[in-house]
């Protein structure tokens, strides 16, 4: 399921990379946005301004990223 999330995030243009500890993180397309998603175990932790907010299941991460992707597309068109 991690591969599905990372694949979809990459397809939508999000920056996916592995941290020093081997866990994955997903960063926003716009550098002025302050959120990030970090894989911890089988859940994704959403942090805003480096403050943990909520732990998400993979399908919830895809829904979050879809909203971010399409809202960005709308605001730039």
Foldseek 3Di string as FASTA:
>chain_A
DVVVLVVLLVVLPWDWDADPVRWIKTHDNDPPFAWIWIDDPQWIFIDGVNHTDDTHHSVVSSVVSVVRSVVVVVVVD
